[in-house]
Protein backbone atom coordinates (compact mmCIF):
# COMPACT_ATOMS: atom_id res chain seq x y z
CA MET A 1 133.05 299.55 237.16
CA PRO A 2 132.22 301.90 240.02
CA ALA A 3 129.54 304.35 239.29
CA LEU A 4 130.42 307.91 238.48
CA CYS A 5 127.84 310.14 240.25
CA VAL A 6 126.97 313.71 238.87
CA ALA A 7 127.15 315.14 242.40
CA ARG A 8 130.94 315.41 242.05
CA ILE A 9 130.61 317.62 238.96
CA ASP A 10 129.27 321.07 238.95
CA TYR A 11 127.37 321.47 235.64
CA GLY A 12 124.65 323.67 236.91
CA ALA A 13 121.36 324.16 235.43
CA LEU A 14 122.64 324.07 231.95
CA MET A 15 122.84 320.34 231.93
CA SER A 16 120.05 317.91 232.08
CA ALA A 17 122.27 315.43 233.74
CA PRO A 18 121.77 311.71 234.23
CA ALA A 19 122.08 310.30 237.66
CA ASP A 20 125.00 308.27 236.66
CA LEU A 21 127.54 309.02 233.78
CA SER A 22 128.77 305.45 233.60
CA PRO A 23 126.67 304.73 230.40
CA VAL A 24 128.38 307.72 228.74
CA ILE A 25 131.84 306.55 229.85
CA GLU A 26 131.03 303.09 228.48
CA ALA A 27 130.03 304.61 225.23
CA VAL A 28 133.19 306.75 225.03
CA ARG A 29 135.30 303.52 225.68
CA GLY A 30 133.66 301.97 222.61
CA LEU A 31 134.84 304.79 220.35
CA ASP A 32 137.93 304.78 218.26
CA LEU A 33 140.07 306.95 220.54
CA ARG A 34 143.24 308.07 218.91
CA PRO A 35 145.79 310.85 219.82
CA ARG A 36 146.11 313.68 217.34
CA ARG A 37 148.34 312.73 214.40
CA TRP A 38 148.94 315.84 212.47
CA GLN A 39 149.13 319.60 213.24
CA TRP A 40 149.86 322.72 211.15
CA VAL A 41 153.44 324.00 211.43
CA SER A 42 152.57 327.71 211.54
CA LEU A 43 150.20 329.94 213.56
CA SER A 44 149.24 331.59 210.37
CA LEU A 45 147.80 328.33 209.06
CA CYS A 46 145.96 327.71 212.30
CA VAL A 47 144.36 331.17 212.03
CA VAL A 48 143.18 330.39 208.43
CA ASP A 49 141.78 327.10 209.30
CA ALA A 50 139.95 328.36 212.39
CA VAL A 51 138.16 331.21 210.47
CA TYR A 52 137.34 329.25 207.35
CA SER A 53 136.09 326.26 209.25
CA ILE A 54 132.97 327.97 210.50
CA GLY A 55 130.05 326.65 208.69
CA ALA A 56 132.11 325.01 205.82
CA HIS A 57 132.86 321.65 204.61
CA TYR A 58 136.40 320.84 205.85
CA ASP A 59 137.64 318.41 203.16
CA ARG A 60 136.15 320.46 200.25
CA HIS A 61 136.66 324.03 201.36
CA VAL A 62 138.89 324.50 204.34
CA LEU A 63 141.82 322.18 203.57
CA PRO A 64 142.26 323.45 200.07
CA VAL A 65 142.21 327.09 201.26
CA VAL A 66 144.99 326.33 203.97
CA ARG A 67 146.96 324.40 201.39
CA ARG A 68 146.82 327.19 198.88
CA VAL A 69 148.09 329.72 201.54
CA ALA A 70 150.85 327.17 202.51
CA ALA A 71 151.88 326.59 198.84
CA ASP A 72 151.94 330.32 198.08
CA ALA A 73 154.18 331.00 201.06
CA GLY A 74 156.56 328.19 200.07
CA ILE A 75 155.79 325.89 202.96
CA GLU A 76 156.46 322.33 201.39
CA THR A 77 155.31 320.41 204.56
CA PRO A 78 152.36 322.38 206.21
CA SER A 79 151.55 319.66 208.71
CA VAL A 80 153.65 317.22 210.87
CA PRO A 81 152.92 314.68 213.66
CA PRO A 82 152.72 316.50 216.92
CA PRO A 83 154.07 317.77 219.13
CA VAL A 84 155.27 320.75 217.03
CA ILE A 85 158.19 321.85 219.15
CA ASP A 86 161.69 323.10 218.30
CA LEU A 87 160.45 324.11 214.95
CA ALA A 88 160.74 327.61 213.66
CA ASP A 89 157.34 328.94 212.49
CA PRO A 90 157.87 329.18 208.73
CA LEU A 91 155.12 331.84 208.41
CA PRO A 92 155.05 334.12 211.46
CA LEU A 93 152.02 336.54 211.59
CA GLU A 94 154.18 339.57 210.67
CA ALA A 95 155.37 337.73 207.53
CA PHE A 96 151.81 336.68 206.78
CA LEU A 97 150.44 340.18 207.25
CA ASP A 98 153.30 341.55 205.10
CA ARG A 99 152.57 339.10 202.37
CA TYR A 100 148.77 339.43 202.48
CA ASP A 101 148.48 343.08 203.16
CA THR A 102 145.02 343.49 201.72
CA VAL A 103 141.88 341.34 201.59
CA ASP A 104 142.08 341.17 197.66
CA VAL A 105 145.79 339.85 197.83
CA LEU A 106 144.58 337.03 200.24
CA LEU A 107 141.49 336.37 198.15
CA ALA A 108 143.64 335.86 195.00
CA VAL A 109 145.39 333.00 196.89
CA THR A 110 142.52 331.42 198.90
CA ASN A 111 140.11 331.67 195.80
CA ASN A 112 137.28 331.47 198.39
CA ARG A 113 134.78 334.19 198.81
CA GLN A 114 132.76 332.75 201.79
CA ARG A 115 131.51 335.02 204.32
CA THR A 116 131.49 334.66 208.17
CA SER A 117 127.62 334.61 207.91
CA PRO A 118 125.04 334.80 205.02
CA ARG A 119 123.51 337.98 206.37
CA GLY A 120 125.73 340.83 207.55
CA GLY A 121 128.86 338.79 207.58
CA ILE A 122 132.23 339.91 206.28
CA LEU A 123 134.49 337.88 203.87
CA LYS A 124 136.38 335.21 205.79
CA ALA A 125 139.55 336.46 204.15
CA GLU A 126 138.92 339.81 205.91
CA ALA A 127 138.21 337.95 209.23
CA VAL A 128 141.53 336.20 208.79
CA LEU A 129 143.41 339.37 208.47
CA GLN A 130 141.67 340.82 211.50
CA TYR A 131 142.35 337.77 213.61
CA ALA A 132 146.05 337.86 212.55
CA THR A 133 146.33 341.62 213.27
CA ILE A 134 144.87 341.37 216.77
CA LEU A 135 147.15 338.41 217.66
CA HIS A 136 150.09 340.26 216.25
CA GLU A 137 149.26 343.57 218.25
CA HIS A 138 149.20 341.46 221.39
CA GLY A 139 152.64 339.95 220.70
CA ILE A 140 151.39 336.54 219.45
CA ARG A 141 153.42 335.88 216.20
CA THR A 142 154.26 332.09 216.24
CA LEU A 143 152.90 328.76 217.50
CA ASP A 144 155.25 328.99 220.44
CA ASP A 145 153.91 332.47 221.38
CA ALA A 146 150.41 331.18 221.22
CA ARG A 147 151.20 328.23 223.47
CA VAL A 148 152.80 330.49 225.94
CA LEU A 149 149.57 332.63 225.92
CA LEU A 150 147.46 329.75 226.95
CA ASP A 151 149.20 329.57 230.23
CA GLU A 152 148.80 333.21 231.08
CA PRO A 153 145.03 333.59 231.87
CA GLN A 154 144.94 337.41 232.21
CA ARG A 155 146.75 337.98 228.94
CA LEU A 156 144.65 335.30 227.26
CA ASP A 157 141.38 337.01 228.41
CA ALA A 158 142.53 340.32 226.86
CA VAL A 159 143.33 338.60 223.57
CA GLU A 160 140.05 336.84 223.48
CA THR A 161 138.17 339.99 224.21
CA ALA A 162 139.71 341.54 221.20
CA LEU A 163 139.06 338.41 218.97
CA ARG A 164 135.38 338.50 220.05
CA THR A 165 135.00 341.69 217.94
CA VAL A 166 135.69 339.92 214.77
CA PRO A 167 132.32 338.89 212.98
CA GLY A 168 131.77 335.16 212.78
CA GLU A 169 132.58 334.31 216.53
CA GLY A 170 130.11 331.45 216.52
CA GLY A 171 128.10 330.26 219.56
CA PHE A 172 130.03 329.96 222.86
CA GLY A 173 133.28 331.25 221.22
CA VAL A 174 133.70 328.23 219.12
CA ARG A 175 135.96 329.80 216.62
CA ARG A 176 138.43 330.89 219.30
CA GLY A 177 138.24 327.64 220.97
CA TYR A 178 139.00 325.90 217.77
CA LEU A 179 142.02 328.21 217.20
CA TRP A 180 143.49 327.17 220.56
CA MET A 181 142.87 323.52 219.80
CA LEU A 182 144.75 323.92 216.50
CA VAL A 183 147.54 325.54 218.34
CA GLY A 184 147.81 322.41 220.44
CA ASP A 185 145.66 322.78 223.56
CA GLU A 186 144.28 319.24 223.93
CA ASP A 187 141.69 320.39 226.51
CA THR A 188 140.10 322.98 224.52
CA ILE A 189 137.42 321.50 222.27
CA LYS A 190 134.71 322.79 219.87
CA PRO A 191 131.67 320.38 220.33
CA ASP A 192 129.38 320.96 217.37
CA ARG A 193 125.86 319.72 216.91
CA MET A 194 126.80 316.21 215.95
CA VAL A 195 128.85 315.78 219.18
CA LEU A 196 125.99 317.35 221.24
CA ARG A 197 123.53 315.00 219.77
CA TRP A 198 125.76 312.05 220.39
CA LEU A 199 126.00 312.98 224.04
CA ALA A 200 122.13 313.57 224.22
CA ARG A 201 121.63 310.08 222.78
CA HIS A 202 123.82 308.72 225.69
CA GLY A 203 122.00 310.52 228.42
CA ALA A 204 123.86 313.81 228.65
CA ASP A 205 121.77 316.47 227.20
CA VAL A 206 124.00 319.55 227.33
CA ASP A 207 124.72 322.79 225.49
CA ALA A 208 128.03 323.50 223.94
CA ALA A 209 129.54 325.30 226.99
CA THR A 210 128.66 322.60 229.36
CA ALA A 211 129.86 319.95 226.90
CA ARG A 212 133.36 321.21 227.21
CA THR A 213 133.35 320.62 230.91
CA LEU A 214 131.67 317.29 230.47
CA LEU A 215 134.24 316.06 227.97
CA SER A 216 137.16 317.13 230.06
CA GLU A 217 135.75 315.28 233.00
CA LEU A 218 135.11 312.30 230.80
CA ALA A 219 138.67 312.39 229.71
CA THR A 220 139.96 312.20 233.26
CA GLU A 221 137.66 309.22 233.98
CA VAL A 222 138.56 307.38 230.63
CA THR A 223 142.20 307.99 231.40
CA ARG A 224 141.83 306.29 234.69
CA VAL A 225 139.85 303.32 233.20
CA LEU A 226 142.10 302.82 230.22
CA GLY A 227 145.47 303.41 232.13
CA ARG A 228 146.69 305.86 229.52
CA ARG A 229 146.22 309.53 228.99
CA VAL A 230 143.08 310.43 227.05
CA THR A 231 142.36 314.06 226.12
CA ALA A 232 139.13 315.88 225.63
CA TRP A 233 140.24 316.38 222.15
CA GLU A 234 140.42 312.54 221.55
CA ILE A 235 136.99 312.12 222.76
CA ASP A 236 135.45 315.15 220.83
CA HIS A 237 137.17 313.91 217.69
CA ALA A 238 136.23 310.31 218.15
CA ILE A 239 132.55 311.27 218.76
CA TRP A 240 132.50 313.45 215.75
CA THR A 241 134.18 310.73 213.58
CA SER A 242 131.59 308.19 214.69
CA ALA A 243 128.61 310.71 214.04
CA ARG A 244 130.19 311.56 210.75
CA SER A 245 130.41 307.94 209.68
CA VAL A 246 126.68 307.64 209.97
CA ARG A 247 126.25 310.62 207.67
CA THR A 248 128.76 309.23 205.32
CA GLU A 249 126.65 306.23 204.60
CA LEU A 250 123.98 308.65 203.35
CA HIS A 251 126.40 311.04 201.57
CA THR A 252 129.47 309.07 200.69
CA ASP A 253 130.59 311.30 197.91
CA GLU A 254 130.28 314.37 200.15
CA ASP A 255 132.51 313.26 202.98
CA LYS A 256 135.13 311.36 201.12
CA PRO A 257 138.39 313.17 201.30
CA ARG A 258 139.61 314.52 197.98
CA SER A 259 143.24 313.93 198.61
CA GLU A 260 145.20 310.72 199.25
CA ASP A 261 148.24 312.79 200.60
CA PRO A 262 148.32 312.29 204.34
CA SER A 263 147.86 315.65 206.15
CA ILE A 264 146.02 317.25 208.94
CA GLY A 265 142.78 316.60 207.28
CA PRO A 266 141.98 313.11 208.76
CA ASP A 267 142.47 314.32 212.44
CA THR A 268 141.02 317.89 212.21
CA ARG A 269 137.65 319.01 211.13
CA GLY A 270 135.70 322.31 210.51
CA VAL A 271 132.96 323.38 212.77
CA ASP A 272 129.67 321.87 211.67
CA ALA A 273 127.53 324.64 213.10
CA MET A 274 124.93 324.28 210.46
CA ALA A 275 124.60 320.38 210.04
CA GLU A 276 121.04 320.55 208.77
CA LEU A 277 122.14 322.63 205.71
CA ALA A 278 123.93 319.53 204.33
CA ASP A 279 120.64 317.71 203.93
CA ILE A 280 118.92 320.81 202.51
CA ARG A 281 121.85 321.24 200.06
CA ASP A 282 121.51 317.72 198.85
CA ARG A 283 117.81 318.18 198.15
CA LEU A 284 118.56 321.42 196.32
CA ASP A 285 121.12 319.50 194.19
CA THR A 286 118.31 317.38 192.85
CA VAL A 287 115.79 320.24 192.53
CA LEU A 288 118.10 322.72 190.84
CA ALA A 289 119.40 320.06 188.53
CA SER A 290 115.95 319.46 187.26
CA ILE A 291 114.89 323.14 186.85
CA GLY A 292 115.21 322.94 183.08
CA GLY A 293 112.83 319.98 182.79
CA GLN A 294 110.35 321.24 185.34
CA SER A 295 109.89 324.76 183.95
CA SER A 296 106.07 324.48 184.01
CA ARG A 297 105.94 323.80 187.64
CA ARG A 298 105.95 326.62 190.26
CA VAL A 299 106.86 326.70 193.92
CA VAL A 300 105.65 329.69 195.91
CA VAL A 301 107.80 330.42 199.03
CA ASP A 302 106.64 333.03 201.46
CA LEU A 303 109.71 334.72 202.93
CA ASP A 304 107.79 336.56 205.52
CA ASP A 305 106.03 333.26 206.81
CA PRO A 306 105.96 333.82 210.57
CA ASP A 307 105.94 330.15 211.13
CA GLU A 308 109.32 329.90 209.30
CA PRO A 309 111.48 332.79 210.56
CA ASP A 310 114.71 331.18 209.53
CA LEU A 311 113.57 330.37 205.90
CA HIS A 312 115.65 333.25 204.22
CA PHE A 313 118.68 332.22 206.05
CA VAL A 314 118.55 328.56 205.44
CA LEU A 315 117.66 329.01 201.71
CA THR A 316 120.55 331.54 201.07
CA ALA A 317 123.19 329.77 203.12
CA ALA A 318 122.49 326.48 201.46
CA LEU A 319 122.48 328.01 197.87
CA ARG A 320 125.82 329.78 198.70
CA GLU A 321 127.51 326.72 200.08
CA TRP A 322 126.19 324.53 197.20
CA ALA A 323 127.41 327.00 194.46
CA ASP A 324 130.77 327.20 196.21
CA ASP A 325 131.02 323.50 196.43
CA LEU A 326 130.45 323.12 192.73
CA ARG A 327 132.91 325.59 191.75
CA HIS A 328 135.63 324.20 194.01
CA GLN A 329 134.85 320.72 192.47
CA VAL A 330 135.58 322.19 189.03
CA GLN A 331 138.63 323.99 190.24
CA ASP A 332 140.06 320.79 191.97
CA ASP A 333 139.25 318.63 188.79
CA PRO A 334 139.27 320.90 185.61
CA GLU A 335 138.68 317.78 183.53
CA HIS A 336 135.58 316.61 185.40
CA PRO A 337 133.12 315.15 182.98
CA ASN A 338 130.31 317.23 184.49
CA ARG A 339 132.15 320.51 184.65
CA ALA A 340 129.84 322.45 182.43
CA ASP A 341 126.75 321.19 184.34
CA PHE A 342 128.44 322.15 187.63
CA LEU A 343 129.14 325.77 186.48
CA ARG A 344 125.59 326.09 185.03
CA TRP A 345 123.99 324.91 188.21
CA ALA A 346 126.22 327.16 190.38
CA GLU A 347 125.04 330.02 188.12
CA ALA A 348 121.48 329.07 188.53
CA ALA A 349 122.00 328.95 192.43
CA ASP A 350 123.50 332.52 192.23
CA ARG A 351 120.55 333.75 190.29
CA LEU A 352 118.12 332.20 192.76
CA HIS A 353 120.09 333.57 195.63
CA GLU A 354 119.91 337.11 194.04
CA ARG A 355 116.14 336.76 193.42
CA ILE A 356 115.54 335.90 197.00
CA ASP A 357 117.59 338.93 198.17
CA GLU A 358 115.70 341.16 195.72
CA ALA A 359 112.37 339.96 197.08
CA LEU A 360 113.34 341.38 200.41
């Protein structure tokens, strides 16, 4: 294989580039590259997915939320094989905003009170309505409207400027990029930490913004090598799936999809912007479950420790996610044998969260 030299790619100072990207291309060729198999049938569902995916477990939190909205709106088949063309959007944004005209109305359906961030964030339900309102005000009401927008740079820039004002943007505009990817833009990707770490392990130490350019370039090269079109989305998803499989070996019960019904789930993921929290949450599972039997032991945590500036954020985010996770498990399986324990542990996590906030 001829060497691919970095000189032909302008990655700038953001990238710690290897002299030769051939090893990265070879690693990509060894992945399970598959075209997208499922897409949402409505722009409204794409918006819900994009907003709720930030910092949330996709199978346990995001998919159930989107499916609840679809079911409430009477959409029997919320996802279909791509391309989604010549299909009327079953829930245009004007209908979505009419149906869910307040945050409380939407919350009653989503049954998810996650926020865009642990400190100073707004309810994701509120962010969804803000996103939908901005798109609607710019004349974007359906999937077809959104795809047309992607081919109009000046108009797209105006829409993105407005969307940036909604709390929970994510680093490098990851939420907006994810929305366009859900709409059907195969070249717009949302590389998260697992993807960036995979690239770094294979000699391309880049940030999220540069990773987008790199993966698009890799898609071009892999397309040439394989003799079939390979998109940046395929590479991004294949990397993420590979990285996730390693995590699944350690957390099998966490990553196993909860539904056997084929849907968009296997091919679409939430943004894992806080991957480390998963490990912290797992440790909290063990610690909190044993609080009753360890009441004589005490752990003193200094929330003002200058050596741990992120301690408050990490603790509160992990506690909130863990408690939500337990409650969703109870909701998904009302007959779960550990139902009472799950609810008790969730309440313990809530109390600990409140105590941490009160301490500040």
